[in-house]
């Protein structure tokens, strides 16, 4: 299983990795998971 990075994510100090939040949507047919930066930008 591979994870797709979000090309719009700007890896600069205002997006510290330590503050990344993982969100998961457990649906009936699919599971979506994301890593989200503090400003709401999706990292992957």
ModelCIF file with pLDDT and N, C-alpha, C, O atoms, coordinates in Angstrom:
data_MODEL
#
_entry.id   MODEL 
#
_entity.id                         1 
_entity.type                       polymer 
_entity.pdbx_number_of_molecules   1 
#
_entity_poly.entity_id                      1 
_entity_poly.type                           'polypeptide(L)' 
_entity_poly.nstd_linkage                   no 
_entity_poly.nstd_monomer                   no 
_entity_poly.pdbx_seq_one_letter_code       
;(UNK)(UNK)(UNK)(UNK)(UNK)(UNK)(UNK)(UNK)(UNK)(UNK)(UNK)(UNK)(UNK)(UNK)(UNK)(UNK)
(UNK)(UNK)(UNK)(UNK)(UNK)(UNK)(UNK)(UNK)(UNK)(UNK)(UNK)(UNK)(UNK)(UNK)(UNK)(UNK)
(UNK)(UNK)(UNK)(UNK)(UNK)(UNK)(UNK)(UNK)(UNK)(UNK)(UNK)(UNK)
;
_entity_poly.pdbx_seq_one_letter_code_can   XXXXXXXXXXXXXXXXXXXXXXXXXXXXXXXXXXXXXXXXXXXX 
_entity_poly.pdbx_strand_id                 A 
#
loop_
_entity_poly_seq.entity_id 
_entity_poly_seq.num 
_entity_poly_seq.mon_id 
_entity_poly_seq.hetero 
1 1  UNK n 
1 2  UNK n 
1 3  UNK n 
1 4  UNK n 
1 5  UNK n 
1 6  UNK n 
1 7  UNK n 
1 8  UNK n 
1 9  UNK n 
1 10 UNK n 
1 11 UNK n 
1 12 UNK n 
1 13 UNK n 
1 14 UNK n 
1 15 UNK n 
1 16 UNK n 
1 17 UNK n 
1 18 UNK n 
1 19 UNK n 
1 20 UNK n 
1 21 UNK n 
1 22 UNK n 
1 23 UNK n 
1 24 UNK n 
1 25 UNK n 
1 26 UNK n 
1 27 UNK n 
1 28 UNK n 
1 29 UNK n 
1 30 UNK n 
1 31 UNK n 
1 32 UNK n 
1 33 UNK n 
1 34 UNK n 
1 35 UNK n 
1 36 UNK n 
1 37 UNK n 
1 38 UNK n 
1 39 UNK n 
1 40 UNK n 
1 41 UNK n 
1 42 UNK n 
1 43 UNK n 
1 44 UNK n 
#
_struct_asym.id          A 
_struct_asym.entity_id   1 
#
loop_
_ma_qa_metric.id 
_ma_qa_metric.mode 
_ma_qa_metric.name 
_ma_qa_metric.software_group_id 
_ma_qa_metric.type 
1 global pLDDT . pLDDT 
2 local  pLDDT . pLDDT 
#
_ma_qa_metric_global.metric_id      1 
_ma_qa_metric_global.metric_value   69.30 
_ma_qa_metric_global.model_id       1 
_ma_qa_metric_global.ordinal_id     1 
#
loop_
_ma_qa_metric_local.label_asym_id 
_ma_qa_metric_local.label_comp_id 
_ma_qa_metric_local.label_seq_id 
_ma_qa_metric_local.metric_id 
_ma_qa_metric_local.metric_value 
_ma_qa_metric_local.model_id 
_ma_qa_metric_local.ordinal_id 
A UNK 1  2 44.00 1 1  
A UNK 2  2 43.00 1 2  
A UNK 3  2 45.00 1 3  
A UNK 4  2 46.00 1 4  
A UNK 5  2 44.00 1 5  
A UNK 6  2 43.00 1 6  
A UNK 7  2 41.00 1 7  
A UNK 8  2 39.00 1 8  
A UNK 9  2 36.00 1 9  
A UNK 10 2 36.00 1 10 
A UNK 11 2 36.00 1 11 
A UNK 12 2 33.00 1 12 
A UNK 13 2 32.00 1 13 
A UNK 14 2 37.00 1 14 
A UNK 15 2 37.00 1 15 
A UNK 16 2 40.00 1 16 
A UNK 17 2 42.00 1 17 
A UNK 18 2 48.00 1 18 
A UNK 19 2 77.00 1 19 
A UNK 20 2 89.00 1 20 
A UNK 21 2 92.00 1 21 
A UNK 22 2 96.00 1 22 
A UNK 23 2 96.00 1 23 
A UNK 24 2 97.00 1 24 
A UNK 25 2 93.00 1 25 
A UNK 26 2 94.00 1 26 
A UNK 27 2 85.00 1 27 
A UNK 28 2 82.00 1 28 
A UNK 29 2 85.00 1 29 
A UNK 30 2 89.00 1 30 
A UNK 31 2 94.00 1 31 
A UNK 32 2 94.00 1 32 
A UNK 33 2 96.00 1 33 
A UNK 34 2 95.00 1 34 
A UNK 35 2 95.00 1 35 
A UNK 36 2 90.00 1 36 
A UNK 37 2 88.00 1 37 
A UNK 38 2 83.00 1 38 
A UNK 39 2 81.00 1 39 
A UNK 40 2 81.00 1 40 
A UNK 41 2 85.00 1 41 
A UNK 42 2 88.00 1 42 
A UNK 43 2 89.00 1 43 
A UNK 44 2 93.00 1 44 
#
loop_
_atom_site.group_PDB 
_atom_site.id 
_atom_site.type_symbol 
_atom_site.label_atom_id 
_atom_site.label_alt_id 
_atom_site.label_comp_id 
_atom_site.label_asym_id 
_atom_site.label_entity_id 
_atom_site.label_seq_id 
_atom_site.pdbx_PDB_ins_code 
_atom_site.Cartn_x 
_atom_site.Cartn_y 
_atom_site.Cartn_z 
_atom_site.occupancy 
_atom_site.B_iso_or_equiv 
_atom_site.pdbx_formal_charge 
_atom_site.auth_seq_id 
_atom_site.auth_comp_id 
_atom_site.auth_asym_id 
_atom_site.auth_atom_id 
_atom_site.pdbx_PDB_model_num 
ATOM 1   N N  . UNK A 1 1  ? 0.850   -1.189 0.000  1.00 44.00 ? 1  UNK A N  1 
ATOM 2   C CA . UNK A 1 1  ? 0.000   0.000  0.000  1.00 44.00 ? 1  UNK A CA 1 
ATOM 3   C C  . UNK A 1 1  ? 0.886   1.240  0.000  1.00 44.00 ? 1  UNK A C  1 
ATOM 4   O O  . UNK A 1 1  ? 1.779   1.357  0.840  1.00 44.00 ? 1  UNK A O  1 
ATOM 5   N N  . UNK A 1 2  ? 0.657   2.161  -0.921 1.00 43.00 ? 2  UNK A N  1 
ATOM 6   C CA . UNK A 1 2  ? 1.447   3.385  -0.995 1.00 43.00 ? 2  UNK A CA 1 
ATOM 7   C C  . UNK A 1 2  ? 0.626   4.572  -0.549 1.00 43.00 ? 2  UNK A C  1 
ATOM 8   O O  . UNK A 1 2  ? -0.602  4.563  -0.635 1.00 43.00 ? 2  UNK A O  1 
ATOM 9   N N  . UNK A 1 3  ? 1.317   5.599  -0.070 1.00 45.00 ? 3  UNK A N  1 
ATOM 10  C CA . UNK A 1 3  ? 0.676   6.827  0.376  1.00 45.00 ? 3  UNK A CA 1 
ATOM 11  C C  . UNK A 1 3  ? 1.048   7.930  -0.585 1.00 45.00 ? 3  UNK A C  1 
ATOM 12  O O  . UNK A 1 3  ? 2.219   8.075  -0.936 1.00 45.00 ? 3  UNK A O  1 
ATOM 13  N N  . UNK A 1 4  ? 0.071   8.713  -1.018 1.00 46.00 ? 4  UNK A N  1 
ATOM 14  C CA . UNK A 1 4  ? 0.299   9.769  -1.983 1.00 46.00 ? 4  UNK A CA 1 
ATOM 15  C C  . UNK A 1 4  ? 0.524   11.100 -1.276 1.00 46.00 ? 4  UNK A C  1 
ATOM 16  O O  . UNK A 1 4  ? -0.394  11.615 -0.637 1.00 46.00 ? 4  UNK A O  1 
ATOM 17  N N  . UNK A 1 5  ? 1.734   11.673 -1.376 1.00 44.00 ? 5  UNK A N  1 
ATOM 18  C CA . UNK A 1 5  ? 1.948   12.999 -0.796 1.00 44.00 ? 5  UNK A CA 1 
ATOM 19  C C  . UNK A 1 5  ? 1.132   14.035 -1.548 1.00 44.00 ? 5  UNK A C  1 
ATOM 20  O O  . UNK A 1 5  ? 0.877   13.885 -2.743 1.00 44.00 ? 5  UNK A O  1 
ATOM 21  N N  . UNK A 1 6  ? 0.721   15.089 -0.849 1.00 43.00 ? 6  UNK A N  1 
ATOM 22  C CA . UNK A 1 6  ? 0.000   16.173 -1.492 1.00 43.00 ? 6  UNK A CA 1 
ATOM 23  C C  . UNK A 1 6  ? 1.022   17.153 -2.062 1.00 43.00 ? 6  UNK A C  1 
ATOM 24  O O  . UNK A 1 6  ? 1.777   17.752 -1.296 1.00 43.00 ? 6  UNK A O  1 
ATOM 25  N N  . UNK A 1 7  ? 1.071   17.339 -3.402 1.00 41.00 ? 7  UNK A N  1 
ATOM 26  C CA . UNK A 1 7  ? 2.096   18.205 -3.995 1.00 41.00 ? 7  UNK A CA 1 
ATOM 27  C C  . UNK A 1 7  ? 1.963   19.661 -3.570 1.00 41.00 ? 7  UNK A C  1 
ATOM 28  O O  . UNK A 1 7  ? 2.916   20.429 -3.699 1.00 41.00 ? 7  UNK A O  1 
ATOM 29  N N  . UNK A 1 8  ? 0.776   20.059 -3.054 1.00 39.00 ? 8  UNK A N  1 
ATOM 30  C CA . UNK A 1 8  ? 0.586   21.452 -2.652 1.00 39.00 ? 8  UNK A CA 1 
ATOM 31  C C  . UNK A 1 8  ? 1.198   21.745 -1.284 1.00 39.00 ? 8  UNK A C  1 
ATOM 32  O O  . UNK A 1 8  ? 1.272   22.905 -0.877 1.00 39.00 ? 8  UNK A O  1 
ATOM 33  N N  . UNK A 1 9  ? 1.638   20.710 -0.571 1.00 36.00 ? 9  UNK A N  1 
ATOM 34  C CA . UNK A 1 9  ? 2.182   20.914 0.777  1.00 36.00 ? 9  UNK A CA 1 
ATOM 35  C C  . UNK A 1 9  ? 3.545   21.556 0.697  1.00 36.00 ? 9  UNK A C  1 
ATOM 36  O O  . UNK A 1 9  ? 4.431   21.062 -0.001 1.00 36.00 ? 9  UNK A O  1 
ATOM 37  N N  . UNK A 1 10 ? 3.718   22.641 1.400  1.00 36.00 ? 10 UNK A N  1 
ATOM 38  C CA . UNK A 1 10 ? 4.961   23.391 1.416  1.00 36.00 ? 10 UNK A CA 1 
ATOM 39  C C  . UNK A 1 10 ? 5.733   23.025 2.669  1.00 36.00 ? 10 UNK A C  1 
ATOM 40  O O  . UNK A 1 10 ? 5.347   23.420 3.769  1.00 36.00 ? 10 UNK A O  1 
ATOM 41  N N  . UNK A 1 11 ? 6.822   22.273 2.523  1.00 36.00 ? 11 UNK A N  1 
ATOM 42  C CA . UNK A 1 11 ? 7.569   21.810 3.686  1.00 36.00 ? 11 UNK A CA 1 
ATOM 43  C C  . UNK A 1 11 ? 8.473   22.926 4.201  1.00 36.00 ? 11 UNK A C  1 
ATOM 44  O O  . UNK A 1 11 ? 9.683   22.918 3.976  1.00 36.00 ? 11 UNK A O  1 
ATOM 45  N N  . UNK A 1 12 ? 7.868   23.878 4.890  1.00 33.00 ? 12 UNK A N  1 
ATOM 46  C CA . UNK A 1 12 ? 8.565   25.004 5.461  1.00 33.00 ? 12 UNK A CA 1 
ATOM 47  C C  . UNK A 1 12 ? 8.294   25.040 6.955  1.00 33.00 ? 12 UNK A C  1 
ATOM 48  O O  . UNK A 1 12 ? 7.420   24.311 7.425  1.00 33.00 ? 12 UNK A O  1 
ATOM 49  N N  . UNK A 1 13 ? 9.008   25.859 7.723  1.00 32.00 ? 13 UNK A N  1 
ATOM 50  C CA . UNK A 1 13 ? 8.850   25.837 9.179  1.00 32.00 ? 13 UNK A CA 1 
ATOM 51  C C  . UNK A 1 13 ? 7.440   26.108 9.682  1.00 32.00 ? 13 UNK A C  1 
ATOM 52  O O  . UNK A 1 13 ? 7.094   25.700 10.791 1.00 32.00 ? 13 UNK A O  1 
ATOM 53  N N  . UNK A 1 14 ? 6.607   26.800 8.872  1.00 37.00 ? 14 UNK A N  1 
ATOM 54  C CA . UNK A 1 14 ? 5.263   27.065 9.386  1.00 37.00 ? 14 UNK A CA 1 
ATOM 55  C C  . UNK A 1 14 ? 4.386   25.806 9.367  1.00 37.00 ? 14 UNK A C  1 
ATOM 56  O O  . UNK A 1 14 ? 3.246   25.842 9.832  1.00 37.00 ? 14 UNK A O  1 
ATOM 57  N N  . UNK A 1 15 ? 4.902   24.713 8.841  1.00 37.00 ? 15 UNK A N  1 
ATOM 58  C CA . UNK A 1 15 ? 4.171   23.446 8.845  1.00 37.00 ? 15 UNK A CA 1 
ATOM 59  C C  . UNK A 1 15 ? 5.001   22.391 9.581  1.00 37.00 ? 15 UNK A C  1 
ATOM 60  O O  . UNK A 1 15 ? 5.441   21.430 8.951  1.00 37.00 ? 15 UNK A O  1 
ATOM 61  N N  . UNK A 1 16 ? 5.230   22.531 10.880 1.00 40.00 ? 16 UNK A N  1 
ATOM 62  C CA . UNK A 1 16 ? 6.083   21.574 11.597 1.00 40.00 ? 16 UNK A CA 1 
ATOM 63  C C  . UNK A 1 16 ? 5.484   20.176 11.587 1.00 40.00 ? 16 UNK A C  1 
ATOM 64  O O  . UNK A 1 16 ? 4.288   19.997 11.817 1.00 40.00 ? 16 UNK A O  1 
ATOM 65  N N  . UNK A 1 17 ? 6.325   19.198 11.319 1.00 42.00 ? 17 UNK A N  1 
ATOM 66  C CA . UNK A 1 17 ? 5.857   17.812 11.285 1.00 42.00 ? 17 UNK A CA 1 
ATOM 67  C C  . UNK A 1 17 ? 5.269   17.388 12.626 1.00 42.00 ? 17 UNK A C  1 
ATOM 68  O O  . UNK A 1 17 ? 4.346   16.574 12.667 1.00 42.00 ? 17 UNK A O  1 
ATOM 69  N N  . UNK A 1 18 ? 5.796   17.934 13.727 1.00 48.00 ? 18 UNK A N  1 
ATOM 70  C CA . UNK A 1 18 ? 5.334   17.510 15.044 1.00 48.00 ? 18 UNK A CA 1 
ATOM 71  C C  . UNK A 1 18 ? 3.869   17.816 15.268 1.00 48.00 ? 18 UNK A C  1 
ATOM 72  O O  . UNK A 1 18 ? 3.223   17.185 16.105 1.00 48.00 ? 18 UNK A O  1 
ATOM 73  N N  . UNK A 1 19 ? 3.331   18.787 14.523 1.00 77.00 ? 19 UNK A N  1 
ATOM 74  C CA . UNK A 1 19 ? 1.942   19.183 14.725 1.00 77.00 ? 19 UNK A CA 1 
ATOM 75  C C  . UNK A 1 19 ? 0.997   18.531 13.727 1.00 77.00 ? 19 UNK A C  1 
ATOM 76  O O  . UNK A 1 19 ? -0.194  18.843 13.717 1.00 77.00 ? 19 UNK A O  1 
ATOM 77  N N  . UNK A 1 20 ? 1.496   17.645 12.898 1.00 89.00 ? 20 UNK A N  1 
ATOM 78  C CA . UNK A 1 20 ? 0.644   16.995 11.901 1.00 89.00 ? 20 UNK A CA 1 
ATOM 79  C C  . UNK A 1 20 ? -0.413  16.142 12.600 1.00 89.00 ? 20 UNK A C  1 
ATOM 80  O O  . UNK A 1 20 ? -0.124  15.424 13.557 1.00 89.00 ? 20 UNK A O  1 
ATOM 81  N N  . UNK A 1 21 ? -1.638  16.240 12.099 1.00 92.00 ? 21 UNK A N  1 
ATOM 82  C CA . UNK A 1 21 ? -2.742  15.451 12.636 1.00 92.00 ? 21 UNK A CA 1 
ATOM 83  C C  . UNK A 1 21 ? -3.184  14.432 11.589 1.00 92.00 ? 21 UNK A C  1 
ATOM 84  O O  . UNK A 1 21 ? -3.277  14.751 10.403 1.00 92.00 ? 21 UNK A O  1 
ATOM 85  N N  . UNK A 1 22 ? -3.452  13.221 12.027 1.00 96.00 ? 22 UNK A N  1 
ATOM 86  C CA . UNK A 1 22 ? -4.008  12.203 11.136 1.00 96.00 ? 22 UNK A CA 1 
ATOM 87  C C  . UNK A 1 22 ? -5.511  12.150 11.346 1.00 96.00 ? 22 UNK A C  1 
ATOM 88  O O  . UNK A 1 22 ? -5.993  12.070 12.476 1.00 96.00 ? 22 UNK A O  1 
ATOM 89  N N  . UNK A 1 23 ? -6.237  12.194 10.251 1.00 96.00 ? 23 UNK A N  1 
ATOM 90  C CA . UNK A 1 23 ? -7.679  12.032 10.284 1.00 96.00 ? 23 UNK A CA 1 
ATOM 91  C C  . UNK A 1 23 ? -8.076  10.809 9.484  1.00 96.00 ? 23 UNK A C  1 
ATOM 92  O O  . UNK A 1 23 ? -7.495  10.533 8.434  1.00 96.00 ? 23 UNK A O  1 
ATOM 93  N N  . UNK A 1 24 ? -9.059  10.077 9.972  1.00 97.00 ? 24 UNK A N  1 
ATOM 94  C CA . UNK A 1 24 ? -9.515  8.861  9.301  1.00 97.00 ? 24 UNK A CA 1 
ATOM 95  C C  . UNK A 1 24 ? -11.029 8.909  9.172  1.00 97.00 ? 24 UNK A C  1 
ATOM 96  O O  . UNK A 1 24 ? -11.737 9.224  10.129 1.00 97.00 ? 24 UNK A O  1 
ATOM 97  N N  . UNK A 1 25 ? -11.508 8.598  7.995  1.00 93.00 ? 25 UNK A N  1 
ATOM 98  C CA . UNK A 1 25 ? -12.944 8.478  7.751  1.00 93.00 ? 25 UNK A CA 1 
ATOM 99  C C  . UNK A 1 25 ? -13.234 7.010  7.451  1.00 93.00 ? 25 UNK A C  1 
ATOM 100 O O  . UNK A 1 25 ? -12.936 6.508  6.367  1.00 93.00 ? 25 UNK A O  1 
ATOM 101 N N  . UNK A 1 26 ? -13.821 6.340  8.432  1.00 94.00 ? 26 UNK A N  1 
ATOM 102 C CA . UNK A 1 26 ? -14.129 4.911  8.287  1.00 94.00 ? 26 UNK A CA 1 
ATOM 103 C C  . UNK A 1 26 ? -15.532 4.771  7.715  1.00 94.00 ? 26 UNK A C  1 
ATOM 104 O O  . UNK A 1 26 ? -16.517 4.823  8.452  1.00 94.00 ? 26 UNK A O  1 
ATOM 105 N N  . UNK A 1 27 ? -15.622 4.596  6.411  1.00 85.00 ? 27 UNK A N  1 
ATOM 106 C CA . UNK A 1 27 ? -16.909 4.487  5.745  1.00 85.00 ? 27 UNK A CA 1 
ATOM 107 C C  . UNK A 1 27 ? -17.322 3.052  5.523  1.00 85.00 ? 27 UNK A C  1 
ATOM 108 O O  . UNK A 1 27 ? -16.571 2.124  5.826  1.00 85.00 ? 27 UNK A O  1 
ATOM 109 N N  . UNK A 1 28 ? -18.516 2.870  4.996  1.00 82.00 ? 28 UNK A N  1 
ATOM 110 C CA . UNK A 1 28 ? -19.031 1.529  4.759  1.00 82.00 ? 28 UNK A CA 1 
ATOM 111 C C  . UNK A 1 28 ? -18.363 0.830  3.596  1.00 82.00 ? 28 UNK A C  1 
ATOM 112 O O  . UNK A 1 28 ? -18.312 -0.400 3.559  1.00 82.00 ? 28 UNK A O  1 
ATOM 113 N N  . UNK A 1 29 ? -17.847 1.599  2.638  1.00 85.00 ? 29 UNK A N  1 
ATOM 114 C CA . UNK A 1 29 ? -17.209 1.002  1.464  1.00 85.00 ? 29 UNK A CA 1 
ATOM 115 C C  . UNK A 1 29 ? -15.740 1.361  1.334  1.00 85.00 ? 29 UNK A C  1 
ATOM 116 O O  . UNK A 1 29 ? -14.988 0.631  0.689  1.00 85.00 ? 29 UNK A O  1 
ATOM 117 N N  . UNK A 1 30 ? -15.307 2.479  1.935  1.00 89.00 ? 30 UNK A N  1 
ATOM 118 C CA . UNK A 1 30 ? -13.906 2.873  1.842  1.00 89.00 ? 30 UNK A CA 1 
ATOM 119 C C  . UNK A 1 30 ? -13.438 3.492  3.158  1.00 89.00 ? 30 UNK A C  1 
ATOM 120 O O  . UNK A 1 30 ? -14.229 4.017  3.941  1.00 89.00 ? 30 UNK A O  1 
ATOM 121 N N  . UNK A 1 31 ? -12.132 3.411  3.371  1.00 94.00 ? 31 UNK A N  1 
ATOM 122 C CA . UNK A 1 31 ? -11.480 4.120  4.462  1.00 94.00 ? 31 UNK A CA 1 
ATOM 123 C C  . UNK A 1 31 ? -10.557 5.153  3.837  1.00 94.00 ? 31 UNK A C  1 
ATOM 124 O O  . UNK A 1 31 ? -9.712  4.815  3.007  1.00 94.00 ? 31 UNK A O  1 
ATOM 125 N N  . UNK A 1 32 ? -10.714 6.414  4.232  1.00 94.00 ? 32 UNK A N  1 
ATOM 126 C CA . UNK A 1 32 ? -9.784  7.449  3.795  1.00 94.00 ? 32 UNK A CA 1 
ATOM 127 C C  . UNK A 1 32 ? -9.013  7.937  5.006  1.00 94.00 ? 32 UNK A C  1 
ATOM 128 O O  . UNK A 1 32 ? -9.585  8.158  6.073  1.00 94.00 ? 32 UNK A O  1 
ATOM 129 N N  . UNK A 1 33 ? -7.715  8.103  4.832  1.00 96.00 ? 33 UNK A N  1 
ATOM 130 C CA . UNK A 1 33 ? -6.869  8.627  5.899  1.00 96.00 ? 33 UNK A CA 1 
ATOM 131 C C  . UNK A 1 33 ? -6.006  9.735  5.335  1.00 96.00 ? 33 UNK A C  1 
ATOM 132 O O  . UNK A 1 33 ? -5.502  9.634  4.216  1.00 96.00 ? 33 UNK A O  1 
ATOM 133 N N  . UNK A 1 34 ? -5.835  10.802 6.116  1.00 95.00 ? 34 UNK A N  1 
ATOM 134 C CA . UNK A 1 34 ? -5.004  11.926 5.681  1.00 95.00 ? 34 UNK A CA 1 
ATOM 135 C C  . UNK A 1 34 ? -4.098  12.352 6.818  1.00 95.00 ? 34 UNK A C  1 
ATOM 136 O O  . UNK A 1 34 ? -4.386  12.123 7.993  1.00 95.00 ? 34 UNK A O  1 
ATOM 137 N N  . UNK A 1 35 ? -2.996  12.977 6.440  1.00 95.00 ? 35 UNK A N  1 
ATOM 138 C CA . UNK A 1 35 ? -2.166  13.723 7.376  1.00 95.00 ? 35 UNK A CA 1 
ATOM 139 C C  . UNK A 1 35 ? -2.398  15.189 7.056  1.00 95.00 ? 35 UNK A C  1 
ATOM 140 O O  . UNK A 1 35 ? -2.296  15.604 5.902  1.00 95.00 ? 35 UNK A O  1 
ATOM 141 N N  . UNK A 1 36 ? -2.714  15.981 8.094  1.00 90.00 ? 36 UNK A N  1 
ATOM 142 C CA . UNK A 1 36 ? -3.087  17.373 7.887  1.00 90.00 ? 36 UNK A CA 1 
ATOM 143 C C  . UNK A 1 36 ? -2.185  18.294 8.685  1.00 90.00 ? 36 UNK A C  1 
ATOM 144 O O  . UNK A 1 36 ? -1.938  18.061 9.868  1.00 90.00 ? 36 UNK A O  1 
ATOM 145 N N  . UNK A 1 37 ? -1.689  19.353 8.026  1.00 88.00 ? 37 UNK A N  1 
ATOM 146 C CA . UNK A 1 37 ? -0.858  20.357 8.681  1.00 88.00 ? 37 UNK A CA 1 
ATOM 147 C C  . UNK A 1 37 ? -1.726  21.268 9.555  1.00 88.00 ? 37 UNK A C  1 
ATOM 148 O O  . UNK A 1 37 ? -2.950  21.259 9.426  1.00 88.00 ? 37 UNK A O  1 
ATOM 149 N N  . UNK A 1 38 ? -1.111  22.048 10.435 1.00 83.00 ? 38 UNK A N  1 
ATOM 150 C CA . UNK A 1 38 ? -1.888  22.895 11.348 1.00 83.00 ? 38 UNK A CA 1 
ATOM 151 C C  . UNK A 1 38 ? -2.829  23.877 10.656 1.00 83.00 ? 38 UNK A C  1 
ATOM 152 O O  . UNK A 1 38 ? -3.859  24.244 11.221 1.00 83.00 ? 38 UNK A O  1 
ATOM 153 N N  . UNK A 1 39 ? -2.492  24.304 9.448  1.00 81.00 ? 39 UNK A N  1 
ATOM 154 C CA . UNK A 1 39 ? -3.341  25.282 8.758  1.00 81.00 ? 39 UNK A CA 1 
ATOM 155 C C  . UNK A 1 39 ? -4.430  24.633 7.915  1.00 81.00 ? 39 UNK A C  1 
ATOM 156 O O  . UNK A 1 39 ? -5.142  25.325 7.188  1.00 81.00 ? 39 UNK A O  1 
ATOM 157 N N  . UNK A 1 40 ? -4.572  23.296 8.004  1.00 81.00 ? 40 UNK A N  1 
ATOM 158 C CA . UNK A 1 40 ? -5.598  22.594 7.254  1.00 81.00 ? 40 UNK A CA 1 
ATOM 159 C C  . UNK A 1 40 ? -5.137  22.036 5.928  1.00 81.00 ? 40 UNK A C  1 
ATOM 160 O O  . UNK A 1 40 ? -5.915  21.377 5.238  1.00 81.00 ? 40 UNK A O  1 
ATOM 161 N N  . UNK A 1 41 ? -3.890  22.281 5.549  1.00 85.00 ? 41 UNK A N  1 
ATOM 162 C CA . UNK A 1 41 ? -3.348  21.719 4.316  1.00 85.00 ? 41 UNK A CA 1 
ATOM 163 C C  . UNK A 1 41 ? -3.147  20.214 4.470  1.00 85.00 ? 41 UNK A C  1 
ATOM 164 O O  . UNK A 1 41 ? -2.603  19.753 5.474  1.00 85.00 ? 41 UNK A O  1 
ATOM 165 N N  . UNK A 1 42 ? -3.587  19.453 3.474  1.00 88.00 ? 42 UNK A N  1 
ATOM 166 C CA . UNK A 1 42 ? -3.391  18.008 3.519  1.00 88.00 ? 42 UNK A CA 1 
ATOM 167 C C  . UNK A 1 42 ? -1.990  17.657 3.038  1.00 88.00 ? 42 UNK A C  1 
ATOM 168 O O  . UNK A 1 42 ? -1.599  18.011 1.926  1.00 88.00 ? 42 UNK A O  1 
ATOM 169 N N  . UNK A 1 43 ? -1.248  16.969 3.873  1.00 89.00 ? 43 UNK A N  1 
ATOM 170 C CA . UNK A 1 43 ? 0.126   16.596 3.584  1.00 89.00 ? 43 UNK A CA 1 
ATOM 171 C C  . UNK A 1 43 ? 0.176   15.326 2.740  1.00 89.00 ? 43 UNK A C  1 
ATOM 172 O O  . UNK A 1 43 ? 0.957   15.231 1.793  1.00 89.00 ? 43 UNK A O  1 
ATOM 173 N N  . UNK A 1 44 ? -0.661  14.355 3.087  1.00 93.00 ? 44 UNK A N  1 
ATOM 174 C CA . UNK A 1 44 ? -0.701  13.078 2.372  1.00 93.00 ? 44 UNK A CA 1 
ATOM 175 C C  . UNK A 1 44 ? -2.056  12.448 2.604  1.00 93.00 ? 44 UNK A C  1 
ATOM 176 O O  . UNK A 1 44 ? -2.325  11.359 2.097  1.00 93.00 ? 44 UNK A O  1 
#
